[in-house]
C-alpha atoms as a PDB file:
ATOM      1  CA  UNK A   1      11.974  -2.766 -17.956  1.00  0.00           C
ATOM      2  CA  UNK A   2       9.040  -1.793 -20.206  1.00  0.00           C
ATOM      3  CA  UNK A   3       5.784  -3.750 -20.393  1.00  0.00           C
ATOM      4  CA  UNK A   4       2.555  -3.482 -22.845  1.00  0.00           C
ATOM      5  CA  UNK A   5      -0.547  -4.854 -21.443  1.00  0.00           C
ATOM      6  CA  UNK A   6      -4.025  -4.619 -23.379  1.00  0.00           C
ATOM      7  CA  UNK A   7      -5.871  -4.952 -20.162  1.00  0.00           C
ATOM      8  CA  UNK A   8      -4.146  -1.972 -18.479  1.00  0.00           C
ATOM      9  CA  UNK A   9      -6.220   0.529 -19.342  1.00  0.00           C
ATOM     10  CA  UNK A  10      -5.419   4.252 -19.468  1.00  0.00           C
ATOM     11  CA  UNK A  11      -8.571   6.211 -19.248  1.00  0.00           C
ATOM     12  CA  UNK A  12      -8.748  10.119 -19.613  1.00  0.00           C
ATOM     13  CA  UNK A  13      -8.747  12.208 -16.218  1.00  0.00           C
ATOM     14  CA  UNK A  14     -12.575  12.962 -17.067  1.00  0.00           C
ATOM     15  CA  UNK A  15     -13.180   8.966 -17.642  1.00  0.00           C
ATOM     16  CA  UNK A  16     -11.277   8.204 -14.508  1.00  0.00           C
ATOM     17  CA  UNK A  17     -13.313  10.686 -12.241  1.00  0.00           C
ATOM     18  CA  UNK A  18     -16.751   9.435 -13.726  1.00  0.00           C
ATOM     19  CA  UNK A  19     -16.074   5.752 -13.362  1.00  0.00           C
ATOM     20  CA  UNK A  20     -14.731   6.120  -9.832  1.00  0.00           C
ATOM     21  CA  UNK A  21     -17.618   8.226  -8.778  1.00  0.00           C
ATOM     22  CA  UNK A  22     -20.148   5.713 -10.312  1.00  0.00           C
ATOM     23  CA  UNK A  23     -18.389   2.924  -9.043  1.00  0.00           C
ATOM     24  CA  UNK A  24     -18.325   4.455  -5.175  1.00  0.00           C
ATOM     25  CA  UNK A  25     -22.216   5.062  -5.748  1.00  0.00           C
ATOM     26  CA  UNK A  26     -22.971   1.800  -6.560  1.00  0.00           C
ATOM     27  CA  UNK A  27     -20.772   0.318  -3.769  1.00  0.00           C
ATOM     28  CA  UNK A  28     -22.441   2.465  -1.346  1.00  0.00           C
ATOM     29  CA  UNK A  29     -25.621   1.058  -2.209  1.00  0.00           C
ATOM     30  CA  UNK A  30     -24.678  -2.664  -2.737  1.00  0.00           C
ATOM     31  CA  UNK A  31     -21.970  -3.090   0.046  1.00  0.00           C
ATOM     32  CA  UNK A  32     -22.414  -0.656   2.734  1.00  0.00           C
ATOM     33  CA  UNK A  33     -22.891  -0.015   5.499  1.00  0.00           C
ATOM     34  CA  UNK A  34     -20.626  -1.592   7.278  1.00  0.00           C
ATOM     35  CA  UNK A  35     -21.040  -2.387  10.680  1.00  0.00           C
ATOM     36  CA  UNK A  36     -18.501  -2.454  13.340  1.00  0.00           C
ATOM     37  CA  UNK A  37     -18.693  -4.252  16.657  1.00  0.00           C
ATOM     38  CA  UNK A  38     -19.229  -1.080  18.679  1.00  0.00           C
ATOM     39  CA  UNK A  39     -21.004   1.800  17.248  1.00  0.00           C
ATOM     40  CA  UNK A  40     -23.578   2.561  14.243  1.00  0.00           C
ATOM     41  CA  UNK A  41     -22.599   1.889  10.602  1.00  0.00           C
ATOM     42  CA  UNK A  42     -20.135   4.032   8.961  1.00  0.00           C
ATOM     43  CA  UNK A  43     -20.118   4.831   5.262  1.00  0.00           C
ATOM     44  CA  UNK A  44     -17.227   4.899   2.968  1.00  0.00           C
ATOM     45  CA  UNK A  45     -16.666   8.336   1.639  1.00  0.00           C
ATOM     46  CA  UNK A  46     -14.323   9.388  -1.268  1.00  0.00           C
ATOM     47  CA  UNK A  47     -14.333  12.628  -3.544  1.00  0.00           C
ATOM     48  CA  UNK A  48     -11.512  12.879  -5.974  1.00  0.00           C
ATOM     49  CA  UNK A  49     -10.989  16.223  -7.443  1.00  0.00           C
ATOM     50  CA  UNK A  50      -8.536  16.887 -10.548  1.00  0.00           C
ATOM     51  CA  UNK A  51      -7.413  20.122 -11.697  1.00  0.00           C
ATOM     52  CA  UNK A  52      -4.813  21.753 -13.782  1.00  0.00           C
ATOM     53  CA  UNK A  53      -1.853  20.544 -11.287  1.00  0.00           C
ATOM     54  CA  UNK A  54      -3.331  18.322  -9.003  1.00  0.00           C
ATOM     55  CA  UNK A  55      -5.362  15.153  -8.351  1.00  0.00           C
ATOM     56  CA  UNK A  56      -6.438  15.499  -4.784  1.00  0.00           C
ATOM     57  CA  UNK A  57      -8.439  12.829  -2.735  1.00  0.00           C
ATOM     58  CA  UNK A  58     -10.673  13.499   0.133  1.00  0.00           C
ATOM     59  CA  UNK A  59     -11.627  10.151   2.293  1.00  0.00           C
ATOM     60  CA  UNK A  60     -12.648   9.326   5.725  1.00  0.00           C
ATOM     61  CA  UNK A  61     -10.691   6.383   5.750  1.00  0.00           C
ATOM     62  CA  UNK A  62     -13.629   3.841   6.005  1.00  0.00           C
ATOM     63  CA  UNK A  63     -13.161   0.829   3.452  1.00  0.00           C
ATOM     64  CA  UNK A  64     -15.953   0.335   0.641  1.00  0.00           C
ATOM     65  CA  UNK A  65     -15.626  -3.389   1.095  1.00  0.00           C
ATOM     66  CA  UNK A  66     -16.019  -6.168   3.898  1.00  0.00           C
ATOM     67  CA  UNK A  67     -13.403  -6.264   6.301  1.00  0.00           C
ATOM     68  CA  UNK A  68     -12.047  -8.379   9.283  1.00  0.00           C
ATOM     69  CA  UNK A  69     -13.083  -8.271  12.620  1.00  0.00           C
ATOM     70  CA  UNK A  70     -11.339  -5.807  14.408  1.00  0.00           C
ATOM     71  CA  UNK A  71     -10.184  -5.688  17.389  1.00  0.00           C
ATOM     72  CA  UNK A  72      -8.860  -9.404  16.980  1.00  0.00           C
ATOM     73  CA  UNK A  73      -6.044 -10.986  18.804  1.00  0.00           C
ATOM     74  CA  UNK A  74      -3.099  -9.939  16.748  1.00  0.00           C
ATOM     75  CA  UNK A  75      -4.633  -6.289  16.021  1.00  0.00           C
ATOM     76  CA  UNK A  76      -6.220  -4.748  19.359  1.00  0.00           C
ATOM     77  CA  UNK A  77      -7.547  -1.584  17.185  1.00  0.00           C
ATOM     78  CA  UNK A  78     -10.932  -0.567  16.237  1.00  0.00           C
ATOM     79  CA  UNK A  79     -11.590   1.035  12.883  1.00  0.00           C
ATOM     80  CA  UNK A  80     -12.676   4.857  12.975  1.00  0.00           C
ATOM     81  CA  UNK A  81     -13.377   7.467  10.597  1.00  0.00           C
ATOM     82  CA  UNK A  82     -10.395   9.576   9.805  1.00  0.00           C
ATOM     83  CA  UNK A  83      -9.939  13.017   7.789  1.00  0.00           C
ATOM     84  CA  UNK A  84      -7.766  12.159   5.098  1.00  0.00           C
ATOM     85  CA  UNK A  85      -6.759  14.844   2.470  1.00  0.00           C
ATOM     86  CA  UNK A  86      -4.227  14.344   0.160  1.00  0.00           C
ATOM     87  CA  UNK A  87      -3.114  15.727  -3.324  1.00  0.00           C
ATOM     88  CA  UNK A  88      -0.499  14.481  -5.896  1.00  0.00           C
ATOM     89  CA  UNK A  89       0.883  16.186  -8.917  1.00  0.00           C
ATOM     90  CA  UNK A  90      -1.083  15.580 -11.779  1.00  0.00           C
ATOM     91  CA  UNK A  91       1.719  15.361 -14.142  1.00  0.00           C
ATOM     92  CA  UNK A  92       4.506  13.401 -11.996  1.00  0.00           C
ATOM     93  CA  UNK A  93       8.233  13.775 -13.223  1.00  0.00           C
ATOM     94  CA  UNK A  94      11.271  11.482 -12.000  1.00  0.00           C
ATOM     95  CA  UNK A  95      13.650  12.752  -9.472  1.00  0.00           C
ATOM     96  CA  UNK A  96      17.358  12.815  -9.363  1.00  0.00           C
ATOM     97  CA  UNK A  97      16.849  11.189  -5.902  1.00  0.00           C
ATOM     98  CA  UNK A  98      14.934   7.953  -4.760  1.00  0.00           C
ATOM     99  CA  UNK A  99      13.060   8.645  -1.390  1.00  0.00           C
ATOM    100  CA  UNK A 100      12.884   5.636   0.716  1.00  0.00           C
ATOM    101  CA  UNK A 101       9.188   5.256   2.246  1.00  0.00           C
ATOM    102  CA  UNK A 102       8.777   4.676   5.943  1.00  0.00           C
ATOM    103  CA  UNK A 103       5.048   6.116   6.358  1.00  0.00           C
ATOM    104  CA  UNK A 104       2.319   6.387   3.542  1.00  0.00           C
ATOM    105  CA  UNK A 105       3.437   5.502   0.077  1.00  0.00           C
ATOM    106  CA  UNK A 106       0.313   5.916  -2.024  1.00  0.00           C
ATOM    107  CA  UNK A 107      -3.663   5.942  -1.520  1.00  0.00           C
ATOM    108  CA  UNK A 108      -5.982   3.468  -3.321  1.00  0.00           C
ATOM    109  CA  UNK A 109      -8.937   4.607  -5.665  1.00  0.00           C
ATOM    110  CA  UNK A 110     -11.254   3.766  -2.879  1.00  0.00           C
ATOM    111  CA  UNK A 111      -9.454   6.339  -0.553  1.00  0.00           C
ATOM    112  CA  UNK A 112      -7.628   3.999   1.638  1.00  0.00           C
ATOM    113  CA  UNK A 113      -3.909   4.333   2.192  1.00  0.00           C
ATOM    114  CA  UNK A 114      -1.083   2.118   1.142  1.00  0.00           C
ATOM    115  CA  UNK A 115       1.608   1.596   3.702  1.00  0.00           C
ATOM    116  CA  UNK A 116       4.343  -0.796   3.254  1.00  0.00           C
ATOM    117  CA  UNK A 117       6.398  -1.061   6.639  1.00  0.00           C
ATOM    118  CA  UNK A 118       5.471  -1.838  10.344  1.00  0.00           C
ATOM    119  CA  UNK A 119       6.112  -0.031  13.277  1.00  0.00           C
ATOM    120  CA  UNK A 120       7.837  -3.000  14.841  1.00  0.00           C
ATOM    121  CA  UNK A 121      11.640  -3.465  15.117  1.00  0.00           C
ATOM    122  CA  UNK A 122      13.576  -6.496  16.262  1.00  0.00           C
ATOM    123  CA  UNK A 123      13.472  -6.234  20.220  1.00  0.00           C
ATOM    124  CA  UNK A 124      15.200  -9.202  22.170  1.00  0.00           C
ATOM    125  CA  UNK A 125      13.592  -7.744  25.249  1.00  0.00           C
ATOM    126  CA  UNK A 126      10.377  -8.054  24.192  1.00  0.00           C
ATOM    127  CA  UNK A 127       8.224 -11.200  24.646  1.00  0.00           C
ATOM    128  CA  UNK A 128       7.075 -11.019  20.914  1.00  0.00           C
ATOM    129  CA  UNK A 129      10.726 -10.699  19.651  1.00  0.00           C
ATOM    130  CA  UNK A 130       9.830  -7.319  18.084  1.00  0.00           C
ATOM    131  CA  UNK A 131       8.447  -3.900  19.432  1.00  0.00           C
ATOM    132  CA  UNK A 132       8.260  -0.155  18.255  1.00  0.00           C
ATOM    133  CA  UNK A 133      11.104   0.739  20.432  1.00  0.00           C
ATOM    134  CA  UNK A 134      13.874  -2.140  18.980  1.00  0.00           C
ATOM    135  CA  UNK A 135      16.797  -1.890  16.697  1.00  0.00           C
ATOM    136  CA  UNK A 136      16.033   0.336  13.794  1.00  0.00           C
ATOM    137  CA  UNK A 137      18.129  -1.841  11.667  1.00  0.00           C
ATOM    138  CA  UNK A 138      16.012  -4.376  11.472  1.00  0.00           C
ATOM    139  CA  UNK A 139      12.261  -3.782  10.357  1.00  0.00           C
ATOM    140  CA  UNK A 140       9.696  -6.471  10.745  1.00  0.00           C
ATOM    141  CA  UNK A 141       8.210  -7.589   7.433  1.00  0.00           C
ATOM    142  CA  UNK A 142       4.602  -8.262   8.095  1.00  0.00           C
ATOM    143  CA  UNK A 143       4.059 -11.090   5.752  1.00  0.00           C
ATOM    144  CA  UNK A 144       6.513 -13.185   7.883  1.00  0.00           C
ATOM    145  CA  UNK A 145       4.838 -12.265  11.280  1.00  0.00           C
ATOM    146  CA  UNK A 146       2.784 -14.872  13.187  1.00  0.00           C
ATOM    147  CA  UNK A 147      -0.851 -13.953  12.464  1.00  0.00           C
ATOM    148  CA  UNK A 148       0.395 -11.233   9.978  1.00  0.00           C
ATOM    149  CA  UNK A 149      -0.437  -8.622  12.688  1.00  0.00           C
ATOM    150  CA  UNK A 150      -4.024  -9.096  12.166  1.00  0.00           C
ATOM    151  CA  UNK A 151      -4.342  -8.579   8.549  1.00  0.00           C
ATOM    152  CA  UNK A 152      -7.471  -9.389   6.945  1.00  0.00           C
ATOM    153  CA  UNK A 153      -8.370 -10.827   3.543  1.00  0.00           C
ATOM    154  CA  UNK A 154      -7.577  -7.970   1.683  1.00  0.00           C
ATOM    155  CA  UNK A 155      -4.374  -7.448   3.365  1.00  0.00           C
ATOM    156  CA  UNK A 156      -5.700  -4.636   5.612  1.00  0.00           C
ATOM    157  CA  UNK A 157      -5.359  -3.724   9.531  1.00  0.00           C
ATOM    158  CA  UNK A 158      -5.890  -1.128  11.853  1.00  0.00           C
ATOM    159  CA  UNK A 159      -3.539   1.262  13.397  1.00  0.00           C
ATOM    160  CA  UNK A 160      -3.727   2.764  17.011  1.00  0.00           C
ATOM    161  CA  UNK A 161      -5.101   5.865  15.634  1.00  0.00           C
ATOM    162  CA  UNK A 162      -8.031   3.789  14.034  1.00  0.00           C
ATOM    163  CA  UNK A 163      -6.774   4.176  10.471  1.00  0.00           C
ATOM    164  CA  UNK A 164      -7.574   1.175   8.249  1.00  0.00           C
ATOM    165  CA  UNK A 165      -4.783   0.776   5.672  1.00  0.00           C
ATOM    166  CA  UNK A 166      -3.539  -1.764   3.415  1.00  0.00           C
ATOM    167  CA  UNK A 167       0.007  -3.733   3.478  1.00  0.00           C
ATOM    168  CA  UNK A 168      -0.417  -5.675   0.242  1.00  0.00           C
ATOM    169  CA  UNK A 169      -2.991  -6.348  -2.714  1.00  0.00           C
ATOM    170  CA  UNK A 170      -6.652  -5.935  -1.591  1.00  0.00           C
ATOM    171  CA  UNK A 171      -8.549  -8.375  -3.562  1.00  0.00           C
ATOM    172  CA  UNK A 172     -11.602  -6.282  -3.604  1.00  0.00           C
ATOM    173  CA  UNK A 173      -9.787  -3.919  -5.813  1.00  0.00           C
ATOM    174  CA  UNK A 174      -8.731  -6.249  -7.994  1.00  0.00           C
ATOM    175  CA  UNK A 175     -12.616  -7.697  -7.963  1.00  0.00           C
ATOM    176  CA  UNK A 176     -13.948  -4.267  -8.862  1.00  0.00           C
ATOM    177  CA  UNK A 177     -11.646  -2.766 -10.972  1.00  0.00           C
ATOM    178  CA  UNK A 178     -12.366  -2.400 -14.591  1.00  0.00           C
ATOM    179  CA  UNK A 179      -8.600  -2.054 -15.009  1.00  0.00           C
ATOM    180  CA  UNK A 180      -4.900  -2.620 -13.771  1.00  0.00           C
ATOM    181  CA  UNK A 181      -5.323   1.132 -12.262  1.00  0.00           C
ATOM    182  CA  UNK A 182      -5.750   0.786  -8.281  1.00  0.00           C
ATOM    183  CA  UNK A 183      -4.195   3.626  -7.144  1.00  0.00           C
ATOM    184  CA  UNK A 184      -1.823   6.576  -6.723  1.00  0.00           C
ATOM    185  CA  UNK A 185       1.681   6.954  -5.219  1.00  0.00           C
ATOM    186  CA  UNK A 186       2.714   9.791  -3.088  1.00  0.00           C
ATOM    187  CA  UNK A 187       4.826  11.359  -6.070  1.00  0.00           C
ATOM    188  CA  UNK A 188       1.857  11.052  -8.415  1.00  0.00           C
ATOM    189  CA  UNK A 189       2.799   7.794 -10.568  1.00  0.00           C
ATOM    190  CA  UNK A 190      -0.067   5.184 -10.972  1.00  0.00           C
ATOM    191  CA  UNK A 191       0.075   2.244  -9.027  1.00  0.00           C
ATOM    192  CA  UNK A 192      -0.887  -0.909 -10.916  1.00  0.00           C
ATOM    193  CA  UNK A 193      -1.848  -4.563 -10.090  1.00  0.00           C
ATOM    194  CA  UNK A 194      -1.283  -7.301 -12.793  1.00  0.00           C
ATOM    195  CA  UNK A 195      -0.346 -10.439 -10.721  1.00  0.00           C
ATOM    196  CA  UNK A 196       2.236 -12.663 -12.213  1.00  0.00           C
ATOM    197  CA  UNK A 197       3.030 -10.512 -15.067  1.00  0.00           C
ATOM    198  CA  UNK A 198       5.730  -8.984 -13.440  1.00  0.00           C
ATOM    199  CA  UNK A 199       8.193 -10.191 -10.592  1.00  0.00           C
ATOM    200  CA  UNK A 200       9.960  -8.012  -8.004  1.00  0.00           C
ATOM    201  CA  UNK A 201      13.907  -7.871  -8.082  1.00  0.00           C
ATOM    202  CA  UNK A 202      13.808  -8.307  -4.513  1.00  0.00           C
ATOM    203  CA  UNK A 203      15.311 -11.543  -3.123  1.00  0.00           C
ATOM    204  CA  UNK A 204      16.263 -13.201   0.138  1.00  0.00           C
ATOM    205  CA  UNK A 205      20.092 -13.206   0.764  1.00  0.00           C
ATOM    206  CA  UNK A 206      21.706 -16.043   1.343  1.00  0.00           C
ATOM    207  CA  UNK A 207      23.048 -17.648   4.336  1.00  0.00           C
ATOM    208  CA  UNK A 208      23.131 -16.369   8.202  1.00  0.00           C
ATOM    209  CA  UNK A 209      22.822 -12.842   9.724  1.00  0.00           C
ATOM    210  CA  UNK A 210      26.230 -11.585  10.839  1.00  0.00           C
ATOM    211  CA  UNK A 211      24.759  -9.290  13.111  1.00  0.00           C
ATOM    212  CA  UNK A 212      21.489  -8.437  14.680  1.00  0.00           C
ATOM    213  CA  UNK A 213      18.750 -11.274  14.955  1.00  0.00           C
ATOM    214  CA  UNK A 214      20.344 -14.683  14.968  1.00  0.00           C
ATOM    215  CA  UNK A 215      19.362 -17.245  12.473  1.00  0.00           C
ATOM    216  CA  UNK A 216      19.185 -17.319   8.508  1.00  0.00           C
ATOM    217  CA  UNK A 217      17.743 -14.502   6.241  1.00  0.00           C
ATOM    218  CA  UNK A 218      14.485 -16.141   6.140  1.00  0.00           C
ATOM    219  CA  UNK A 219      12.176 -12.839   5.137  1.00  0.00           C
ATOM    220  CA  UNK A 220      11.286 -12.028   8.842  1.00  0.00           C
ATOM    221  CA  UNK A 221      12.927  -8.267   8.368  1.00  0.00           C
ATOM    222  CA  UNK A 222      13.148  -5.955   5.412  1.00  0.00           C
ATOM    223  CA  UNK A 223      16.528  -6.261   5.768  1.00  0.00           C
ATOM    224  CA  UNK A 224      16.515 -10.000   4.909  1.00  0.00           C
ATOM    225  CA  UNK A 225      16.044  -8.890   1.316  1.00  0.00           C
ATOM    226  CA  UNK A 226      18.299  -7.323  -1.374  1.00  0.00           C
ATOM    227  CA  UNK A 227      17.624  -5.780  -4.826  1.00  0.00           C
ATOM    228  CA  UNK A 228      19.123  -7.696  -7.549  1.00  0.00           C
ATOM    229  CA  UNK A 229      18.986  -5.696 -11.062  1.00  0.00           C
ATOM    230  CA  UNK A 230      17.652  -7.237 -13.941  1.00  0.00           C
ATOM    231  CA  UNK A 231      15.782  -5.993 -17.222  1.00  0.00           C
ATOM    232  CA  UNK A 232      13.302  -8.882 -16.803  1.00  0.00           C
ATOM    233  CA  UNK A 233      12.149  -7.530 -13.540  1.00  0.00           C
ATOM    234  CA  UNK A 234      10.977  -4.399 -11.822  1.00  0.00           C
ATOM    235  CA  UNK A 235      13.154  -2.041 -10.376  1.00  0.00           C
ATOM    236  CA  UNK A 236      14.227  -1.338  -7.088  1.00  0.00           C
ATOM    237  CA  UNK A 237      10.768   0.739  -6.293  1.00  0.00           C
ATOM    238  CA  UNK A 238       8.716  -2.085  -7.565  1.00  0.00           C
ATOM    239  CA  UNK A 239       8.283   0.158 -10.776  1.00  0.00           C
ATOM    240  CA  UNK A 240       8.664  -0.122 -14.644  1.00  0.00           C
ATOM    241  CA  UNK A 241       7.149   1.386 -17.920  1.00  0.00           C
ATOM    242  CA  UNK A 242       3.584   0.319 -18.357  1.00  0.00           C
ATOM    243  CA  UNK A 243       2.395   1.345 -22.100  1.00  0.00           C
ATOM    244  CA  UNK A 244       5.091   3.889 -22.371  1.00  0.00           C
ATOM    245  CA  UNK A 245       4.230   5.311 -18.845  1.00  0.00           C
ATOM    246  CA  UNK A 246       6.237   4.898 -15.832  1.00  0.00           C
ATOM    247  CA  UNK A 247       4.090   3.355 -12.815  1.00  0.00           C
ATOM    248  CA  UNK A 248       4.652   1.142 -10.041  1.00  0.00           C
ATOM    249  CA  UNK A 249       3.215  -2.031  -8.945  1.00  0.00           C
ATOM    250  CA  UNK A 250       2.107  -3.985  -5.911  1.00  0.00           C
ATOM    251  CA  UNK A 251       3.123  -7.652  -6.013  1.00  0.00           C
ATOM    252  CA  UNK A 252       2.190 -10.919  -4.661  1.00  0.00           C
ATOM    253  CA  UNK A 253       6.228 -10.918  -3.356  1.00  0.00           C
ATOM    254  CA  UNK A 254       8.498  -8.860  -1.365  1.00  0.00           C
ATOM    255  CA  UNK A 255       8.251  -6.037  -1.464  1.00  0.00           C
ATOM    256  CA  UNK A 256       4.414  -6.193  -1.963  1.00  0.00           C
ATOM    257  CA  UNK A 257       4.072  -2.347  -1.804  1.00  0.00           C
ATOM    258  CA  UNK A 258       6.776  -0.193  -3.112  1.00  0.00           C
ATOM    259  CA  UNK A 259       8.999   0.864  -0.133  1.00  0.00           C
ATOM    260  CA  UNK A 260      10.775   3.701  -2.266  1.00  0.00           C
ATOM    261  CA  UNK A 261       9.301   6.218  -4.658  1.00  0.00           C
ATOM    262  CA  UNK A 262      11.358   7.974  -7.736  1.00  0.00           C
ATOM    263  CA  UNK A 263       9.424  11.186  -8.312  1.00  0.00           C
ATOM    264  CA  UNK A 264       9.099  14.173  -6.224  1.00  0.00           C
ATOM    265  CA  UNK A 265       6.950  13.273  -3.259  1.00  0.00           C
ATOM    266  CA  UNK A 266       4.016  15.267  -1.943  1.00  0.00           C
ATOM    267  CA  UNK A 267       4.210  16.928   1.489  1.00  0.00           C
ATOM    268  CA  UNK A 268       1.056  14.987   2.144  1.00  0.00           C
ATOM    269  CA  UNK A 269       2.950  11.344   1.827  1.00  0.00           C
ATOM    270  CA  UNK A 270       5.317   9.393   3.673  1.00  0.00           C
ATOM    271  CA  UNK A 271       4.128  10.548   7.024  1.00  0.00           C
ATOM    272  CA  UNK A 272       3.375   8.167  10.022  1.00  0.00           C
ATOM    273  CA  UNK A 273      -0.186   7.559  10.454  1.00  0.00           C
ATOM    274  CA  UNK A 274      -0.283   4.890  12.797  1.00  0.00           C
END
């Protein structure tokens, strides 16, 4: 699939860094501090450095936009500052091997991590029906759970370590961005959001699950979906060529955030930070 969008700007490296630094300076003045229930204000901090080989992000993991109330009934964790130090290749290359993502997939331009998966699995012994110790063949899809595990209006919530992270598109990124570029994947390729201009190639399977949790394939688990190849839709990693560059997309439909990467993934990514 190859796309050309006039509103999908591809600025130079110097323009990107200058624009991002200006944007976050202004946001710091306008939207911050973020007051949490306990403790004082926490300020979002991010620094992006680019050299000949790498693009590096230094962030404290504090969002630059209003967040939901944490802890909450569906998410008992409190946001805390982190020490995020991640680098991706400046000239990404598609690998011969596709890498499944179980941890961090990428980082947003505001320094918040993208994490597509949950830490929950089907567990018939758990009162909630899922737990971190359940059947690893059936991983919980956060958007199909009751209360969505406490996701706020930016599709973010908090892990046990205090890490605020995104499971889908953050509306604040769309509102504040001057282009469709909203982040970078762990292999260095860009992450974009263009709404309904692209479609995922993943669809719900038909019928009843033959094994595992009883019932129809209803989207409760990642394994309820299957990828169907189509030239008119994104590839299995939610990617396509945009203005002659391979990029990933966050979509409003499953898988929301890509669950695999096609390039050589940096050692800083695809790790659990829950």
